[in-house]
Amino acid sequence: MSKIRIATTSLAGCFGCHMSFLDMDERLVGLLEHVELDRSPLTDIKHCGPCDIGLVEGGLCNAENVQVLREFRQQCKILIAVGACAINGGVPAMRNHYSVQECLEEAYVNGVGVDNPMIPSDPELPLLLSKVHPLHEVVRVDYYLPGCPPSGDAFFTILSDLLAGKEPSLSKAMLHYD
């Protein structure tokens, strides 16, 4: 029996959802009997190949995030938005109440401890979007795994259900929004 291919990526977020993924602890060993990891921090593969399940944490704050997400979606049969940032923009979306210029000035010109006030203008830096967007505004999302971050139990449940060919179902006890 061939293994299910799973890939992950992180966009505009804190990487906490990936850390929570590891909170499956020893259950990861059992999971690896049934899955093969493609792009993930555990494999250090930079570009996703064709896979069955894709897990995406983080929202979209720059043009590079959008490009990575679109390429990732094309490779994944099932896409799961993981965590508050992927689902609704999360903490990074707090900047949506301000213009990009105001944010840049606060961080690089007026911020506490700024010694050499200057907004970066390196062409290598990804172009910031005017707002932080959740994934579903750019690509089709198949499932949502809420939380900040979702628990290791929630990751294990949604993946186990999908591996068993069942529609994922998380109990209310597994859902949290803090």
C-alpha atoms as a PDB file:
ATOM      1  CA  MET A   1       0.000   0.000   0.000  1.00  0.00           C
ATOM      2  CA  SER A   2       1.433   3.374  -0.983  1.00  0.00           C
ATOM      3  CA  LYS A   3       1.837   6.081   1.607  1.00  0.00           C
ATOM      4  CA  ILE A   4      -0.165   9.314   1.651  1.00  0.00           C
ATOM      5  CA  ARG A   5       2.039  12.324   0.862  1.00  0.00           C
ATOM      6  CA  ILE A   6       1.721  15.282   3.236  1.00  0.00           C
ATOM      7  CA  ALA A   7       3.352  18.678   2.798  1.00  0.00           C
ATOM      8  CA  THR A   8       3.384  21.788   4.978  1.00  0.00           C
ATOM      9  CA  THR A   9       4.257  25.416   4.497  1.00  0.00           C
ATOM     10  CA  SER A  10       4.314  28.521   6.648  1.00  0.00           C
ATOM     11  CA  LEU A  11       3.419  31.977   5.350  1.00  0.00           C
ATOM     12  CA  ALA A  12       2.816  35.110   7.477  1.00  0.00           C
ATOM     13  CA  GLY A  13       2.633  33.592  10.931  1.00  0.00           C
ATOM     14  CA  CYS A  14       4.775  32.697  13.891  1.00  0.00           C
ATOM     15  CA  PHE A  15       5.484  29.020  13.096  1.00  0.00           C
ATOM     16  CA  GLY A  16       3.524  28.039  16.223  1.00  0.00           C
ATOM     17  CA  CYS A  17       1.229  25.738  14.245  1.00  0.00           C
ATOM     18  CA  HIS A  18       4.229  23.748  13.025  1.00  0.00           C
ATOM     19  CA  MET A  19       5.449  23.502  16.609  1.00  0.00           C
ATOM     20  CA  SER A  20       2.006  22.256  17.637  1.00  0.00           C
ATOM     21  CA  PHE A  21       2.130  19.686  14.803  1.00  0.00           C
ATOM     22  CA  LEU A  22       5.156  18.247  16.615  1.00  0.00           C
ATOM     23  CA  ASP A  23       3.029  18.025  19.779  1.00  0.00           C
ATOM     24  CA  MET A  24       1.593  14.835  18.340  1.00  0.00           C
ATOM     25  CA  ASP A  25       4.723  13.444  20.003  1.00  0.00           C
ATOM     26  CA  GLU A  26       5.072   9.655  19.706  1.00  0.00           C
ATOM     27  CA  ARG A  27       1.950   9.518  17.533  1.00  0.00           C
ATOM     28  CA  LEU A  28       4.140  11.000  14.776  1.00  0.00           C
ATOM     29  CA  VAL A  29       6.030   7.698  14.628  1.00  0.00           C
ATOM     30  CA  GLY A  30       2.807   5.765  14.032  1.00  0.00           C
ATOM     31  CA  LEU A  31       1.633   8.362  11.535  1.00  0.00           C
ATOM     32  CA  LEU A  32       4.870   8.004   9.561  1.00  0.00           C
ATOM     33  CA  GLU A  33       3.991   4.353   8.912  1.00  0.00           C
ATOM     34  CA  HIS A  34       1.143   5.653   6.717  1.00  0.00           C
ATOM     35  CA  VAL A  35       2.447   8.965   5.396  1.00  0.00           C
ATOM     36  CA  GLU A  36       5.451  10.359   3.614  1.00  0.00           C
ATOM     37  CA  LEU A  37       6.457  13.954   4.251  1.00  0.00           C
ATOM     38  CA  ASP A  38       7.140  16.160   1.269  1.00  0.00           C
ATOM     39  CA  ARG A  39       7.857  19.853   1.895  1.00  0.00           C
ATOM     40  CA  SER A  40       8.109  20.457   5.636  1.00  0.00           C
ATOM     41  CA  PRO A  41      10.554  21.737   8.232  1.00  0.00           C
ATOM     42  CA  LEU A  42      11.366  18.103   8.995  1.00  0.00           C
ATOM     43  CA  THR A  43      12.488  17.362   5.433  1.00  0.00           C
ATOM     44  CA  ASP A  44      13.865  20.763   4.413  1.00  0.00           C
ATOM     45  CA  ILE A  45      12.353  20.279   0.930  1.00  0.00           C
ATOM     46  CA  LYS A  46      11.830  23.801  -0.438  1.00  0.00           C
ATOM     47  CA  HIS A  47       9.246  23.163  -3.180  1.00  0.00           C
ATOM     48  CA  CYS A  48       6.220  20.946  -2.843  1.00  0.00           C
ATOM     49  CA  GLY A  49       5.784  18.069  -5.245  1.00  0.00           C
ATOM     50  CA  PRO A  50       2.411  16.432  -5.891  1.00  0.00           C
ATOM     51  CA  CYS A  51       0.855  15.483  -2.567  1.00  0.00           C
ATOM     52  CA  ASP A  52      -2.388  14.280  -1.068  1.00  0.00           C
ATOM     53  CA  ILE A  53      -2.685  16.654   1.887  1.00  0.00           C
ATOM     54  CA  GLY A  54      -1.249  20.140   2.312  1.00  0.00           C
ATOM     55  CA  LEU A  55      -1.188  21.974   5.632  1.00  0.00           C
ATOM     56  CA  VAL A  56      -0.738  25.757   5.477  1.00  0.00           C
ATOM     57  CA  GLU A  57      -0.164  28.032   8.452  1.00  0.00           C
ATOM     58  CA  GLY A  58      -0.039  31.810   8.239  1.00  0.00           C
ATOM     59  CA  GLY A  59      -1.894  34.416   6.261  1.00  0.00           C
ATOM     60  CA  LEU A  60      -0.865  36.373   3.190  1.00  0.00           C
ATOM     61  CA  CYS A  61       0.988  39.636   3.772  1.00  0.00           C
ATOM     62  CA  ASN A  62       3.227  39.899   0.715  1.00  0.00           C
ATOM     63  CA  ALA A  63       3.422  38.905  -2.945  1.00  0.00           C
ATOM     64  CA  GLU A  64       5.775  36.011  -2.195  1.00  0.00           C
ATOM     65  CA  ASN A  65       3.204  34.504   0.228  1.00  0.00           C
ATOM     66  CA  VAL A  66       0.591  34.595  -2.549  1.00  0.00           C
ATOM     67  CA  GLN A  67       2.935  32.939  -5.058  1.00  0.00           C
ATOM     68  CA  VAL A  68       3.961  30.201  -2.590  1.00  0.00           C
ATOM     69  CA  LEU A  69       0.321  29.523  -1.679  1.00  0.00           C
ATOM     70  CA  ARG A  70      -0.847  29.285  -5.301  1.00  0.00           C
ATOM     71  CA  GLU A  71       1.985  26.899  -6.212  1.00  0.00           C
ATOM     72  CA  PHE A  72       1.337  24.861  -3.063  1.00  0.00           C
ATOM     73  CA  ARG A  73      -2.424  24.622  -3.796  1.00  0.00           C
ATOM     74  CA  GLN A  74      -1.710  23.331  -7.317  1.00  0.00           C
ATOM     75  CA  GLN A  75       0.280  20.436  -5.850  1.00  0.00           C
ATOM     76  CA  CYS A  76      -2.207  19.437  -3.104  1.00  0.00           C
ATOM     77  CA  LYS A  77      -5.353  17.359  -3.563  1.00  0.00           C
ATOM     78  CA  ILE A  78      -6.596  18.502  -0.137  1.00  0.00           C
ATOM     79  CA  LEU A  79      -5.632  21.829   1.418  1.00  0.00           C
ATOM     80  CA  ILE A  80      -6.079  22.526   5.135  1.00  0.00           C
ATOM     81  CA  ALA A  81      -5.875  26.073   6.513  1.00  0.00           C
ATOM     82  CA  VAL A  82      -4.176  25.661   9.881  1.00  0.00           C
ATOM     83  CA  GLY A  83      -4.544  28.178  12.687  1.00  0.00           C
ATOM     84  CA  ALA A  84      -5.992  31.636  13.134  1.00  0.00           C
ATOM     85  CA  CYS A  85      -3.564  33.369  10.756  1.00  0.00           C
ATOM     86  CA  ALA A  86      -4.440  31.077   7.836  1.00  0.00           C
ATOM     87  CA  ILE A  87      -8.158  31.183   8.598  1.00  0.00           C
ATOM     88  CA  ASN A  88      -8.710  34.898   9.319  1.00  0.00           C
ATOM     89  CA  GLY A  89      -5.325  36.649   9.144  1.00  0.00           C
ATOM     90  CA  GLY A  90      -4.649  36.306  12.891  1.00  0.00           C
ATOM     91  CA  VAL A  91      -2.269  38.652  14.660  1.00  0.00           C
ATOM     92  CA  PRO A  92      -0.576  39.835  11.424  1.00  0.00           C
ATOM     93  CA  ALA A  93      -3.973  41.157  10.249  1.00  0.00           C
ATOM     94  CA  MET A  94      -3.933  43.668  13.096  1.00  0.00           C
ATOM     95  CA  ARG A  95      -2.069  45.891  10.652  1.00  0.00           C
ATOM     96  CA  ASN A  96      -5.151  45.965   8.396  1.00  0.00           C
ATOM     97  CA  HIS A  97      -6.383  49.005  10.328  1.00  0.00           C
ATOM     98  CA  TYR A  98      -3.405  51.011   9.073  1.00  0.00           C
ATOM     99  CA  SER A  99      -1.851  51.754   5.703  1.00  0.00           C
ATOM    100  CA  VAL A 100       1.338  49.950   4.722  1.00  0.00           C
ATOM    101  CA  GLN A 101       3.135  53.302   4.837  1.00  0.00           C
ATOM    102  CA  GLU A 102       1.994  53.906   8.434  1.00  0.00           C
ATOM    103  CA  CYS A 103       3.205  50.440   9.458  1.00  0.00           C
ATOM    104  CA  LEU A 104       6.586  50.913   7.799  1.00  0.00           C
ATOM    105  CA  GLU A 105       7.059  54.324   9.383  1.00  0.00           C
ATOM    106  CA  GLU A 106       6.178  52.987  12.830  1.00  0.00           C
ATOM    107  CA  ALA A 107       8.590  50.063  12.508  1.00  0.00           C
ATOM    108  CA  TYR A 108      11.532  51.699  10.744  1.00  0.00           C
ATOM    109  CA  VAL A 109      11.301  55.433  11.431  1.00  0.00           C
ATOM    110  CA  ASN A 110       9.344  56.200  14.612  1.00  0.00           C
ATOM    111  CA  GLY A 111       9.799  52.922  16.485  1.00  0.00           C
ATOM    112  CA  VAL A 112      11.408  52.718  19.910  1.00  0.00           C
ATOM    113  CA  GLY A 113      15.135  52.064  19.626  1.00  0.00           C
ATOM    114  CA  VAL A 114      15.445  52.981  15.931  1.00  0.00           C
ATOM    115  CA  ASP A 115      18.989  54.311  15.458  1.00  0.00           C
ATOM    116  CA  ASN A 116      19.113  54.846  11.711  1.00  0.00           C
ATOM    117  CA  PRO A 117      15.564  55.717  10.572  1.00  0.00           C
ATOM    118  CA  MET A 118      15.096  54.410   7.037  1.00  0.00           C
ATOM    119  CA  ILE A 119      12.378  52.345   5.391  1.00  0.00           C
ATOM    120  CA  PRO A 120      14.003  49.409   3.532  1.00  0.00           C
ATOM    121  CA  SER A 121      13.750  49.652  -0.218  1.00  0.00           C
ATOM    122  CA  ASP A 122      15.759  46.622  -1.329  1.00  0.00           C
ATOM    123  CA  PRO A 123      14.221  45.154  -4.510  1.00  0.00           C
ATOM    124  CA  GLU A 124      14.880  41.663  -3.071  1.00  0.00           C
ATOM    125  CA  LEU A 125      12.237  42.237  -0.382  1.00  0.00           C
ATOM    126  CA  PRO A 126       8.787  40.861  -1.261  1.00  0.00           C
ATOM    127  CA  LEU A 127       6.175  43.496  -2.092  1.00  0.00           C
ATOM    128  CA  LEU A 128       3.835  44.015   0.871  1.00  0.00           C
ATOM    129  CA  LEU A 129       0.126  43.653   0.210  1.00  0.00           C
ATOM    130  CA  SER A 130      -2.107  46.519   1.315  1.00  0.00           C
ATOM    131  CA  LYS A 131      -3.858  44.124   3.748  1.00  0.00           C
ATOM    132  CA  VAL A 132      -3.180  40.714   5.295  1.00  0.00           C
ATOM    133  CA  HIS A 133      -5.516  38.134   3.759  1.00  0.00           C
ATOM    134  CA  PRO A 134      -6.707  34.700   4.902  1.00  0.00           C
ATOM    135  CA  LEU A 135      -5.990  31.795   2.545  1.00  0.00           C
ATOM    136  CA  HIS A 136      -9.561  31.334   1.306  1.00  0.00           C
ATOM    137  CA  GLU A 137      -9.500  34.774  -0.321  1.00  0.00           C
ATOM    138  CA  VAL A 138      -6.844  33.536  -2.761  1.00  0.00           C
ATOM    139  CA  VAL A 139      -7.271  29.745  -3.143  1.00  0.00           C
ATOM    140  CA  ARG A 140      -9.852  27.054  -2.438  1.00  0.00           C
ATOM    141  CA  VAL A 141      -9.485  25.639   1.063  1.00  0.00           C
ATOM    142  CA  ASP A 142     -10.916  22.178   1.773  1.00  0.00           C
ATOM    143  CA  TYR A 143     -10.741  22.077   5.571  1.00  0.00           C
ATOM    144  CA  TYR A 144     -10.066  24.461   8.441  1.00  0.00           C
ATOM    145  CA  LEU A 145      -8.150  23.578  11.624  1.00  0.00           C
ATOM    146  CA  PRO A 146      -8.764  26.483  14.023  1.00  0.00           C
ATOM    147  CA  GLY A 147      -6.712  27.523  17.017  1.00  0.00           C
ATOM    148  CA  CYS A 148      -3.736  29.637  17.889  1.00  0.00           C
ATOM    149  CA  PRO A 149      -2.244  27.163  17.574  1.00  0.00           C
ATOM    150  CA  PRO A 150      -4.412  24.073  17.102  1.00  0.00           C
ATOM    151  CA  SER A 151      -3.501  21.299  19.528  1.00  0.00           C
ATOM    152  CA  GLY A 152      -1.440  18.253  18.615  1.00  0.00           C
ATOM    153  CA  ASP A 153      -4.604  16.228  19.313  1.00  0.00           C
ATOM    154  CA  ALA A 154      -6.511  18.267  16.712  1.00  0.00           C
ATOM    155  CA  PHE A 155      -3.761  17.686  14.117  1.00  0.00           C
ATOM    156  CA  PHE A 156      -3.767  13.960  14.859  1.00  0.00           C
ATOM    157  CA  THR A 157      -7.559  13.724  14.635  1.00  0.00           C
ATOM    158  CA  ILE A 158      -7.933  15.560  11.324  1.00  0.00           C
ATOM    159  CA  LEU A 159      -5.081  13.604   9.727  1.00  0.00           C
ATOM    160  CA  SER A 160      -6.312  10.265  11.122  1.00  0.00           C
ATOM    161  CA  ASP A 161      -9.815  10.930   9.809  1.00  0.00           C
ATOM    162  CA  LEU A 162      -8.500  11.796   6.348  1.00  0.00           C
ATOM    163  CA  LEU A 163      -6.211   8.741   6.298  1.00  0.00           C
ATOM    164  CA  ALA A 164      -9.229   6.584   7.179  1.00  0.00           C
ATOM    165  CA  GLY A 165     -11.189   8.137   4.305  1.00  0.00           C
ATOM    166  CA  LYS A 166     -13.592   9.842   6.701  1.00  0.00           C
ATOM    167  CA  GLU A 167     -14.823  13.421   6.764  1.00  0.00           C
ATOM    168  CA  PRO A 168     -12.785  15.149   9.508  1.00  0.00           C
ATOM    169  CA  SER A 169     -14.694  15.813  12.703  1.00  0.00           C
ATOM    170  CA  LEU A 170     -13.219  17.624  15.685  1.00  0.00           C
ATOM    171  CA  SER A 171     -14.958  17.565  19.046  1.00  0.00           C
ATOM    172  CA  LYS A 172     -15.772  20.878  20.708  1.00  0.00           C
ATOM    173  CA  ALA A 173     -13.135  20.079  23.322  1.00  0.00           C
ATOM    174  CA  MET A 174     -10.466  20.141  20.603  1.00  0.00           C
ATOM    175  CA  LEU A 175     -11.561  23.482  19.207  1.00  0.00           C
ATOM    176  CA  HIS A 176     -10.149  26.550  20.832  1.00  0.00           C
ATOM    177  CA  TYR A 177      -9.659  30.067  19.625  1.00  0.00           C
ATOM    178  CA  ASP A 178      -7.139  31.459  22.086  1.00  0.00           C
END
